[in-house]
Amino acid sequence: MAHPIMFDDDDPLLVRVRGIALAFPDAAEKISHGHPAFYTTKVFAYYGGSIKVGGEWVRKERALLILPDDAERAALLPEERCFVPAYLGPSGWIGLELGDDTDWGEIGELLDTSYRRTAGPRRVARLDKGAD
């Protein structure tokens, strides 16, 4: 059974995330479990997620799920806007709730780290070459 679509394609926050994520070499978008997923051979970001609170699932519709490095994860987790997402959290992923006050420079940096951790050395080399 297919998952229902759990996002609005016209959501301005998704549009901003999509613009940043799809600028990475070979990045593409697919729908995974009802949410946009950005990937090369492996997913490096999801838009939307969920957590379990008191035994109940709580959707985080306007959130970005990324795979930060250990230092970034430790720095972000204490922040109120951050959460450990269901299913992906035990593998080091973190969720960040997005809103009007989102620092898009920071989002770009976090997506960059997540991309670098999943994309493979050739794509990272292409990314670095393009940054020169």
N, C-alpha and C. Protein backbone atom coordinates (compact mmCIF):
# COMPACT_ATOMS: atom_id res chain seq x y z
N MET A 1 0.84 -1.17 0.00
CA MET A 1 0.00 0.00 0.00
C MET A 1 0.89 1.25 0.00
N ALA A 2 0.61 2.17 -0.90
CA ALA A 2 1.40 3.39 -1.01
C ALA A 2 1.08 4.33 0.14
N HIS A 3 2.09 5.06 0.56
CA HIS A 3 1.90 6.07 1.60
C HIS A 3 1.16 7.27 1.01
N PRO A 4 0.29 7.89 1.78
CA PRO A 4 -0.35 9.11 1.29
C PRO A 4 0.66 10.25 1.21
N ILE A 5 0.44 11.18 0.30
CA ILE A 5 1.30 12.36 0.19
C ILE A 5 1.06 13.23 1.43
N MET A 6 2.14 13.58 2.13
CA MET A 6 2.04 14.32 3.39
C MET A 6 2.72 15.69 3.30
N PHE A 7 2.60 16.33 2.15
CA PHE A 7 3.19 17.66 2.00
C PHE A 7 2.43 18.42 0.93
N ASP A 8 2.59 19.73 0.95
CA ASP A 8 2.03 20.63 -0.05
C ASP A 8 3.17 21.04 -0.96
N ASP A 9 3.08 20.69 -2.23
CA ASP A 9 4.16 20.98 -3.17
C ASP A 9 4.45 22.47 -3.29
N ASP A 10 3.48 23.32 -2.96
CA ASP A 10 3.65 24.76 -3.05
C ASP A 10 4.11 25.39 -1.73
N ASP A 11 4.38 24.58 -0.72
CA ASP A 11 4.85 25.09 0.57
C ASP A 11 6.13 25.91 0.33
N PRO A 12 6.14 27.20 0.70
CA PRO A 12 7.32 28.03 0.42
C PRO A 12 8.59 27.54 1.11
N LEU A 13 8.46 26.89 2.26
CA LEU A 13 9.66 26.35 2.92
C LEU A 13 10.21 25.17 2.13
N LEU A 14 9.33 24.31 1.63
CA LEU A 14 9.77 23.21 0.77
C LEU A 14 10.42 23.74 -0.49
N VAL A 15 9.85 24.78 -1.08
CA VAL A 15 10.43 25.37 -2.29
C VAL A 15 11.86 25.84 -2.01
N ARG A 16 12.09 26.46 -0.86
CA ARG A 16 13.46 26.92 -0.50
C ARG A 16 14.40 25.73 -0.30
N VAL A 17 13.94 24.72 0.45
CA VAL A 17 14.76 23.52 0.67
C VAL A 17 15.09 22.86 -0.66
N ARG A 18 14.09 22.72 -1.50
CA ARG A 18 14.26 22.07 -2.81
C ARG A 18 15.32 22.82 -3.64
N GLY A 19 15.27 24.13 -3.63
CA GLY A 19 16.23 24.92 -4.39
C GLY A 19 17.67 24.70 -3.94
N ILE A 20 17.86 24.58 -2.64
CA ILE A 20 19.21 24.34 -2.10
C ILE A 20 19.64 22.91 -2.38
N ALA A 21 18.78 21.96 -2.07
CA ALA A 21 19.14 20.54 -2.17
C ALA A 21 19.42 20.10 -3.60
N LEU A 22 18.62 20.57 -4.53
CA LEU A 22 18.79 20.12 -5.92
C LEU A 22 19.96 20.80 -6.63
N ALA A 23 20.61 21.75 -5.98
CA ALA A 23 21.79 22.40 -6.56
C ALA A 23 23.06 21.56 -6.38
N PHE A 24 23.02 20.52 -5.54
CA PHE A 24 24.18 19.66 -5.35
C PHE A 24 24.35 18.74 -6.56
N PRO A 25 25.60 18.37 -6.89
CA PRO A 25 25.84 17.50 -8.05
C PRO A 25 25.01 16.21 -7.99
N ASP A 26 24.31 15.94 -9.09
CA ASP A 26 23.51 14.72 -9.27
C ASP A 26 22.36 14.56 -8.29
N ALA A 27 22.03 15.60 -7.55
CA ALA A 27 20.92 15.50 -6.60
C ALA A 27 19.60 15.40 -7.35
N ALA A 28 18.71 14.62 -6.80
CA ALA A 28 17.38 14.43 -7.37
C ALA A 28 16.38 14.35 -6.22
N GLU A 29 15.11 14.38 -6.58
CA GLU A 29 14.06 14.32 -5.58
C GLU A 29 13.13 13.15 -5.90
N LYS A 30 12.67 12.48 -4.87
CA LYS A 30 11.67 11.43 -5.01
C LYS A 30 10.74 11.52 -3.80
N ILE A 31 9.63 10.83 -3.86
CA ILE A 31 8.72 10.76 -2.73
C ILE A 31 9.02 9.45 -2.00
N SER A 32 9.28 9.56 -0.71
CA SER A 32 9.57 8.40 0.12
C SER A 32 8.70 8.47 1.37
N HIS A 33 7.88 7.46 1.56
CA HIS A 33 6.98 7.41 2.72
C HIS A 33 6.12 8.68 2.82
N GLY A 34 5.72 9.21 1.67
CA GLY A 34 4.84 10.36 1.63
C GLY A 34 5.51 11.71 1.74
N HIS A 35 6.85 11.72 1.84
CA HIS A 35 7.60 12.97 2.00
C HIS A 35 8.63 13.13 0.88
N PRO A 36 8.96 14.38 0.52
CA PRO A 36 10.05 14.60 -0.43
C PRO A 36 11.37 14.13 0.18
N ALA A 37 12.12 13.40 -0.62
CA ALA A 37 13.45 12.94 -0.22
C ALA A 37 14.43 13.39 -1.28
N PHE A 38 15.55 13.92 -0.85
CA PHE A 38 16.59 14.41 -1.75
C PHE A 38 17.76 13.45 -1.66
N TYR A 39 18.28 13.02 -2.82
CA TYR A 39 19.24 11.92 -2.82
C TYR A 39 20.18 11.99 -4.02
N THR A 40 21.24 11.21 -3.93
CA THR A 40 22.07 10.85 -5.08
C THR A 40 21.88 9.33 -5.17
N THR A 41 22.82 8.54 -4.66
CA THR A 41 22.55 7.11 -4.54
C THR A 41 21.92 6.82 -3.19
N LYS A 42 22.17 7.70 -2.21
CA LYS A 42 21.57 7.60 -0.88
C LYS A 42 20.85 8.91 -0.58
N VAL A 43 19.83 8.83 0.24
CA VAL A 43 19.09 10.03 0.65
C VAL A 43 19.97 10.87 1.57
N PHE A 44 20.00 12.19 1.32
CA PHE A 44 20.74 13.09 2.20
C PHE A 44 19.82 14.06 2.94
N ALA A 45 18.53 14.09 2.58
CA ALA A 45 17.60 14.97 3.30
C ALA A 45 16.16 14.56 3.01
N TYR A 46 15.32 14.76 4.01
CA TYR A 46 13.88 14.57 3.87
C TYR A 46 13.20 15.87 4.30
N TYR A 47 12.07 16.16 3.69
CA TYR A 47 11.25 17.28 4.13
C TYR A 47 10.02 16.68 4.82
N GLY A 48 9.96 16.88 6.12
CA GLY A 48 8.87 16.34 6.92
C GLY A 48 9.29 15.06 7.62
N GLY A 49 8.71 14.85 8.78
CA GLY A 49 9.03 13.66 9.56
C GLY A 49 8.05 13.52 10.70
N SER A 50 8.42 12.70 11.66
CA SER A 50 7.55 12.50 12.83
C SER A 50 8.38 12.07 14.03
N ILE A 51 7.76 12.24 15.20
CA ILE A 51 8.35 11.77 16.45
C ILE A 51 7.24 11.11 17.25
N LYS A 52 7.63 10.33 18.23
CA LYS A 52 6.65 9.72 19.11
C LYS A 52 6.68 10.45 20.44
N VAL A 53 5.52 10.94 20.86
CA VAL A 53 5.38 11.68 22.11
C VAL A 53 4.28 11.02 22.93
N GLY A 54 4.65 10.49 24.08
CA GLY A 54 3.66 9.85 24.94
C GLY A 54 2.93 8.71 24.27
N GLY A 55 3.61 7.98 23.43
CA GLY A 55 3.01 6.85 22.74
C GLY A 55 2.22 7.21 21.49
N GLU A 56 2.13 8.49 21.18
CA GLU A 56 1.39 8.95 19.99
C GLU A 56 2.36 9.54 18.96
N TRP A 57 2.07 9.30 17.69
CA TRP A 57 2.87 9.89 16.62
C TRP A 57 2.49 11.35 16.41
N VAL A 58 3.50 12.20 16.34
CA VAL A 58 3.31 13.63 16.09
C VAL A 58 4.06 13.96 14.80
N ARG A 59 3.31 14.44 13.81
CA ARG A 59 3.93 14.80 12.53
C ARG A 59 4.61 16.16 12.63
N LYS A 60 5.75 16.25 12.00
CA LYS A 60 6.50 17.50 11.87
C LYS A 60 6.54 17.80 10.37
N GLU A 61 5.47 18.45 9.91
CA GLU A 61 5.28 18.64 8.47
C GLU A 61 6.27 19.61 7.84
N ARG A 62 6.68 20.62 8.59
CA ARG A 62 7.58 21.65 8.05
C ARG A 62 8.93 21.54 8.74
N ALA A 63 9.56 20.39 8.51
CA ALA A 63 10.86 20.11 9.13
C ALA A 63 11.80 19.54 8.08
N LEU A 64 13.07 19.72 8.32
CA LEU A 64 14.11 19.16 7.47
C LEU A 64 14.85 18.10 8.27
N LEU A 65 14.97 16.91 7.70
CA LEU A 65 15.72 15.83 8.33
C LEU A 65 17.04 15.68 7.59
N ILE A 66 18.14 15.74 8.32
CA ILE A 66 19.47 15.67 7.72
C ILE A 66 20.36 14.76 8.56
N LEU A 67 21.50 14.37 7.98
CA LEU A 67 22.49 13.55 8.66
C LEU A 67 23.73 14.40 8.94
N PRO A 68 23.76 15.07 10.10
CA PRO A 68 24.89 15.95 10.40
C PRO A 68 26.09 15.14 10.89
N ASP A 69 27.24 15.81 11.00
CA ASP A 69 28.37 15.13 11.64
C ASP A 69 28.13 15.15 13.15
N ASP A 70 28.93 14.41 13.88
CA ASP A 70 28.72 14.24 15.32
C ASP A 70 28.74 15.56 16.08
N ALA A 71 29.65 16.47 15.71
CA ALA A 71 29.75 17.75 16.42
C ALA A 71 28.52 18.61 16.16
N GLU A 72 28.06 18.65 14.91
CA GLU A 72 26.86 19.42 14.58
C GLU A 72 25.64 18.86 15.32
N ARG A 73 25.54 17.53 15.35
CA ARG A 73 24.40 16.89 16.00
C ARG A 73 24.36 17.26 17.49
N ALA A 74 25.52 17.17 18.14
CA ALA A 74 25.60 17.49 19.57
C ALA A 74 25.24 18.96 19.82
N ALA A 75 25.64 19.84 18.93
CA ALA A 75 25.35 21.27 19.10
C ALA A 75 23.87 21.57 18.84
N LEU A 76 23.25 20.86 17.91
CA LEU A 76 21.86 21.13 17.54
C LEU A 76 20.83 20.52 18.49
N LEU A 77 21.10 19.33 18.97
CA LEU A 77 20.08 18.61 19.76
C LEU A 77 19.48 19.39 20.93
N PRO A 78 20.25 20.18 21.67
CA PRO A 78 19.63 20.92 22.78
C PRO A 78 18.67 22.03 22.34
N GLU A 79 18.69 22.41 21.07
CA GLU A 79 17.85 23.50 20.61
C GLU A 79 16.40 23.04 20.51
N GLU A 80 15.49 23.92 20.89
CA GLU A 80 14.06 23.61 20.91
C GLU A 80 13.51 23.24 19.54
N ARG A 81 14.07 23.80 18.47
CA ARG A 81 13.58 23.52 17.12
C ARG A 81 14.02 22.16 16.59
N CYS A 82 14.92 21.49 17.30
CA CYS A 82 15.49 20.24 16.83
C CYS A 82 14.88 19.04 17.54
N PHE A 83 14.87 17.91 16.86
CA PHE A 83 14.31 16.69 17.41
C PHE A 83 14.98 15.48 16.79
N VAL A 84 14.86 14.35 17.47
CA VAL A 84 15.37 13.08 16.95
C VAL A 84 14.19 12.42 16.22
N PRO A 85 14.29 12.30 14.90
CA PRO A 85 13.17 11.79 14.13
C PRO A 85 12.97 10.28 14.30
N ALA A 86 11.71 9.89 14.16
CA ALA A 86 11.37 8.46 14.20
C ALA A 86 12.15 7.72 13.11
N TYR A 87 12.53 6.52 13.41
CA TYR A 87 13.19 5.59 12.50
C TYR A 87 14.62 5.99 12.14
N LEU A 88 14.87 7.24 11.78
CA LEU A 88 16.20 7.66 11.33
C LEU A 88 17.09 8.14 12.47
N GLY A 89 16.49 8.56 13.57
CA GLY A 89 17.25 9.10 14.70
C GLY A 89 18.35 8.19 15.21
N PRO A 90 18.08 6.88 15.38
CA PRO A 90 19.14 5.99 15.88
C PRO A 90 20.35 5.89 14.96
N SER A 91 20.19 6.28 13.69
CA SER A 91 21.30 6.26 12.74
C SER A 91 22.01 7.60 12.66
N GLY A 92 21.69 8.54 13.56
CA GLY A 92 22.39 9.82 13.62
C GLY A 92 21.66 10.98 12.98
N TRP A 93 20.51 10.75 12.39
CA TRP A 93 19.76 11.82 11.74
C TRP A 93 19.15 12.73 12.80
N ILE A 94 18.88 13.97 12.38
CA ILE A 94 18.25 14.96 13.26
C ILE A 94 17.22 15.73 12.43
N GLY A 95 16.18 16.19 13.10
CA GLY A 95 15.17 17.00 12.44
C GLY A 95 15.24 18.43 12.94
N LEU A 96 15.00 19.37 12.04
CA LEU A 96 14.96 20.80 12.39
C LEU A 96 13.63 21.35 11.91
N GLU A 97 12.86 21.92 12.82
CA GLU A 97 11.62 22.55 12.41
C GLU A 97 11.95 23.87 11.72
N LEU A 98 11.30 24.12 10.59
CA LEU A 98 11.53 25.32 9.81
C LEU A 98 10.38 26.30 10.01
N GLY A 99 10.69 27.58 9.81
CA GLY A 99 9.66 28.61 9.97
C GLY A 99 10.13 29.92 9.37
N ASP A 100 9.39 30.97 9.70
CA ASP A 100 9.70 32.29 9.16
C ASP A 100 11.08 32.79 9.58
N ASP A 101 11.57 32.32 10.72
CA ASP A 101 12.86 32.79 11.23
C ASP A 101 14.03 31.86 10.87
N THR A 102 13.81 30.94 9.94
CA THR A 102 14.85 29.99 9.55
C THR A 102 16.07 30.72 8.98
N ASP A 103 17.24 30.31 9.42
CA ASP A 103 18.51 30.82 8.90
C ASP A 103 18.87 29.94 7.69
N TRP A 104 18.61 30.43 6.49
CA TRP A 104 18.81 29.62 5.30
C TRP A 104 20.28 29.38 4.98
N GLY A 105 21.16 30.23 5.46
CA GLY A 105 22.60 29.95 5.33
C GLY A 105 22.97 28.71 6.13
N GLU A 106 22.44 28.62 7.35
CA GLU A 106 22.68 27.44 8.17
C GLU A 106 22.09 26.19 7.52
N ILE A 107 20.89 26.31 6.97
CA ILE A 107 20.27 25.15 6.31
C ILE A 107 21.15 24.68 5.14
N GLY A 108 21.68 25.62 4.38
CA GLY A 108 22.59 25.26 3.29
C GLY A 108 23.81 24.52 3.78
N GLU A 109 24.38 24.98 4.89
CA GLU A 109 25.57 24.31 5.45
C GLU A 109 25.22 22.91 5.95
N LEU A 110 24.07 22.76 6.59
CA LEU A 110 23.67 21.44 7.10
C LEU A 110 23.36 20.47 5.95
N LEU A 111 22.73 20.97 4.91
CA LEU A 111 22.49 20.13 3.73
C LEU A 111 23.82 19.73 3.08
N ASP A 112 24.77 20.66 3.05
CA ASP A 112 26.09 20.37 2.50
C ASP A 112 26.75 19.22 3.27
N THR A 113 26.71 19.29 4.59
CA THR A 113 27.31 18.22 5.39
C THR A 113 26.62 16.89 5.14
N SER A 114 25.30 16.90 5.13
CA SER A 114 24.54 15.67 4.92
C SER A 114 24.83 15.09 3.53
N TYR A 115 24.89 15.96 2.54
CA TYR A 115 25.23 15.52 1.18
C TYR A 115 26.63 14.87 1.17
N ARG A 116 27.60 15.53 1.77
CA ARG A 116 28.96 15.02 1.78
C ARG A 116 29.05 13.66 2.48
N ARG A 117 28.20 13.43 3.48
CA ARG A 117 28.24 12.16 4.22
C ARG A 117 27.59 11.01 3.45
N THR A 118 26.84 11.32 2.40
CA THR A 118 26.10 10.27 1.71
C THR A 118 26.41 10.15 0.22
N ALA A 119 26.98 11.17 -0.39
CA ALA A 119 27.07 11.23 -1.86
C ALA A 119 28.22 10.45 -2.47
N GLY A 120 29.23 10.12 -1.72
CA GLY A 120 30.39 9.42 -2.29
C GLY A 120 31.48 10.38 -2.71
N PRO A 121 32.72 9.88 -2.78
CA PRO A 121 33.88 10.75 -3.02
C PRO A 121 33.88 11.46 -4.37
N ARG A 122 33.39 10.85 -5.43
CA ARG A 122 33.41 11.52 -6.74
C ARG A 122 32.48 12.73 -6.77
N ARG A 123 31.31 12.57 -6.20
CA ARG A 123 30.38 13.70 -6.17
C ARG A 123 30.89 14.81 -5.26
N VAL A 124 31.48 14.43 -4.13
CA VAL A 124 32.03 15.44 -3.22
C VAL A 124 33.18 16.18 -3.91
N ALA A 125 33.99 15.47 -4.67
CA ALA A 125 35.07 16.12 -5.42
C ALA A 125 34.49 17.10 -6.44
N ARG A 126 33.41 16.72 -7.12
CA ARG A 126 32.74 17.64 -8.06
C ARG A 126 32.21 18.86 -7.34
N LEU A 127 31.63 18.64 -6.16
CA LEU A 127 31.12 19.76 -5.36
C LEU A 127 32.26 20.71 -5.00
N ASP A 128 33.37 20.15 -4.54
CA ASP A 128 34.51 20.97 -4.15
C ASP A 128 35.12 21.70 -5.35
N LYS A 129 35.15 21.05 -6.49
CA LYS A 129 35.69 21.68 -7.69
C LYS A 129 34.81 22.86 -8.11
N GLY A 130 33.51 22.71 -7.98
CA GLY A 130 32.58 23.78 -8.33
C GLY A 130 32.66 24.95 -7.35
N ALA A 131 33.14 24.69 -6.14
CA ALA A 131 33.23 25.73 -5.11
C ALA A 131 34.45 26.63 -5.32
N ASP A 132 35.40 26.18 -6.14
CA ASP A 132 36.62 26.98 -6.35
C ASP A 132 36.35 28.22 -7.15
